[in-house]
């Protein structure tokens, strides 16, 4: 008797063991959705860290400013008394000291405001990984197109 030969049909014309085109697109969609969810989670974590750090810094600047303000008030009173005695005119001494401290305070406030504006709050790692993910997706799409044409 002759040997029996069994033929197993392959659906969609793909070789046995290879995923079909529909399965490839389904897997790409699932992987892309998972990737987007992970990127959103990373962005949330990174933004919360950046915002928390900026809030803590701003709070410490405020506390330091209040403590310094109390010390400055005592020093200002002493300077006004000292200058008033030297000039023999206390109102002029108070005016001079007030103008000097307004100028110093304005300069300090402006320089620290610029530092606070320069604080980087953008999620840099997330932006970088999103760009990498975009390149990966484009590469995967090109690969699927290449697989389709061959």
Protein backbone atom coordinates (compact mmCIF):
# COMPACT_ATOMS: atom_id res chain seq x y z
CA UNK A 1 0.00 0.00 0.00
CA UNK A 2 1.03 3.54 -0.66
CA UNK A 3 1.95 5.95 2.10
CA UNK A 4 -0.74 8.42 3.05
CA UNK A 5 0.02 12.10 2.50
CA UNK A 6 -1.90 14.60 4.58
CA UNK A 7 -2.27 18.16 3.39
CA UNK A 8 -3.14 20.83 5.92
CA UNK A 9 -4.72 23.95 4.41
CA UNK A 10 -3.25 27.30 5.45
CA UNK A 11 -5.74 30.15 5.74
CA UNK A 12 -5.06 33.50 4.08
CA UNK A 13 -2.19 32.21 2.01
CA UNK A 14 0.33 32.72 4.88
CA UNK A 15 2.91 30.10 5.61
CA UNK A 16 2.22 27.78 8.51
CA UNK A 17 3.18 29.34 11.85
CA UNK A 18 3.21 32.91 10.54
CA UNK A 19 0.54 35.34 11.73
CA UNK A 20 -1.96 36.63 9.22
CA UNK A 21 -2.12 40.28 8.15
CA UNK A 22 -5.16 40.84 10.35
CA UNK A 23 -3.35 39.39 13.34
CA UNK A 24 -0.34 41.61 12.64
CA UNK A 25 -2.50 44.74 12.57
CA UNK A 26 -4.37 43.61 15.68
CA UNK A 27 -1.07 43.08 17.52
CA UNK A 28 0.22 46.46 16.31
CA UNK A 29 -2.95 48.17 17.55
CA UNK A 30 -2.72 46.42 20.93
CA UNK A 31 0.97 47.26 21.31
CA UNK A 32 0.34 50.88 20.32
CA UNK A 33 -2.51 51.21 22.83
CA UNK A 34 -0.36 49.71 25.59
CA UNK A 35 2.48 52.03 24.67
CA UNK A 36 0.24 55.11 24.79
CA UNK A 37 -1.12 54.08 28.20
CA UNK A 38 2.41 53.63 29.52
CA UNK A 39 3.50 57.00 28.12
CA UNK A 40 0.53 58.74 29.75
CA UNK A 41 1.37 57.09 33.07
CA UNK A 42 5.01 58.18 32.74
CA UNK A 43 3.95 61.74 31.93
CA UNK A 44 1.70 61.86 35.01
CA UNK A 45 4.49 60.65 37.29
CA UNK A 46 7.04 63.03 35.81
CA UNK A 47 4.72 66.05 35.91
CA UNK A 48 3.70 65.36 39.51
CA UNK A 49 7.37 65.18 40.53
CA UNK A 50 8.18 68.45 38.74
CA UNK A 51 5.17 70.26 40.18
CA UNK A 52 5.81 68.94 43.69
CA UNK A 53 9.44 70.09 43.52
CA UNK A 54 8.46 73.56 42.27
CA UNK A 55 5.77 73.90 44.97
CA UNK A 56 8.21 72.92 47.71
CA UNK A 57 10.76 75.41 46.41
CA UNK A 58 8.17 78.18 46.26
CA UNK A 59 7.01 77.43 49.82
CA UNK A 60 10.57 77.51 51.14
CA UNK A 61 11.20 80.81 49.35
CA UNK A 62 8.11 82.24 51.07
CA UNK A 63 9.13 80.98 54.53
CA UNK A 64 12.66 82.26 54.09
CA UNK A 65 11.31 85.58 52.92
CA UNK A 66 9.09 85.99 55.98
CA UNK A 67 11.92 85.19 58.40
CA UNK A 68 14.25 87.55 56.59
CA UNK A 69 11.56 90.24 56.62
CA UNK A 70 11.37 90.19 60.42
CA UNK A 71 15.14 90.53 60.65
CA UNK A 72 15.15 93.32 58.12
CA UNK A 73 12.52 95.24 60.09
CA UNK A 74 14.73 95.22 63.17
CA UNK A 75 17.79 96.25 61.17
CA UNK A 76 15.88 98.97 59.35
CA UNK A 77 14.73 100.45 62.64
CA UNK A 78 18.32 100.48 63.86
CA UNK A 79 19.61 102.03 60.63
CA UNK A 80 16.92 104.73 60.69
CA UNK A 81 17.77 105.60 64.30
CA UNK A 82 21.52 105.63 63.56
CA UNK A 83 21.16 107.72 60.38
CA UNK A 84 18.59 110.01 62.01
CA UNK A 85 20.98 110.75 64.86
CA UNK A 86 23.82 111.40 62.38
CA UNK A 87 21.71 113.71 60.18
CA UNK A 88 19.75 115.12 63.09
CA UNK A 89 16.67 114.53 60.91
CA UNK A 90 14.74 111.30 61.46
CA UNK A 91 12.14 111.69 58.71
CA UNK A 92 14.87 112.14 56.08
CA UNK A 93 16.73 109.12 57.47
CA UNK A 94 13.55 107.01 57.23
CA UNK A 95 12.99 108.17 53.64
CA UNK A 96 16.57 107.35 52.56
CA UNK A 97 16.52 103.92 54.20
CA UNK A 98 13.08 103.16 52.74
CA UNK A 99 14.21 103.98 49.19
CA UNK A 100 17.38 101.87 49.54
CA UNK A 101 15.44 98.86 50.81
CA UNK A 102 12.79 99.20 48.11
CA UNK A 103 15.52 99.13 45.46
CA UNK A 104 17.24 96.09 46.99
CA UNK A 105 13.93 94.25 47.46
CA UNK A 106 12.85 94.97 43.90
CA UNK A 107 16.09 93.61 42.48
CA UNK A 108 15.89 90.44 44.58
CA UNK A 109 12.27 89.84 43.68
CA UNK A 110 12.90 90.27 39.95
CA UNK A 111 15.92 87.95 39.90
CA UNK A 112 14.08 85.19 41.80
CA UNK A 113 10.98 85.62 39.66
CA UNK A 114 13.12 85.00 36.58
CA UNK A 115 14.55 81.85 38.20
CA UNK A 116 11.05 80.61 38.98
CA UNK A 117 9.96 81.23 35.38
CA UNK A 118 13.00 79.29 34.15
CA UNK A 119 11.96 76.22 36.17
CA UNK A 120 11.55 73.39 33.66
CA UNK A 121 8.16 71.74 34.14
CA UNK A 122 7.97 69.92 30.81
CA UNK A 123 8.21 66.12 31.06
CA UNK A 124 11.45 65.78 29.10
CA UNK A 125 11.76 61.99 29.43
CA UNK A 126 8.19 61.51 28.27
CA UNK A 127 8.70 63.75 25.25
CA UNK A 128 11.85 61.84 24.34
CA UNK A 129 10.19 58.43 24.67
CA UNK A 130 7.18 59.61 22.67
CA UNK A 131 9.51 60.62 19.86
CA UNK A 132 11.18 57.21 20.05
CA UNK A 133 7.78 55.53 20.03
CA UNK A 134 6.77 57.52 16.96
CA UNK A 135 9.88 56.32 15.16
CA UNK A 136 9.19 52.74 16.28
CA UNK A 137 5.60 52.86 15.01
CA UNK A 138 6.74 54.32 11.69
CA UNK A 139 9.32 51.54 11.41
CA UNK A 140 6.68 48.89 12.20
CA UNK A 141 4.30 50.32 9.58
CA UNK A 142 7.09 50.30 6.98
CA UNK A 143 7.87 46.70 7.92
CA UNK A 144 4.21 45.68 7.52
CA UNK A 145 4.09 47.44 4.15
CA UNK A 146 7.28 45.65 3.10
CA UNK A 147 5.84 42.32 4.24
CA UNK A 148 2.69 43.00 2.22
CA UNK A 149 4.55 43.80 -0.98
CA UNK A 150 6.81 40.76 -0.80
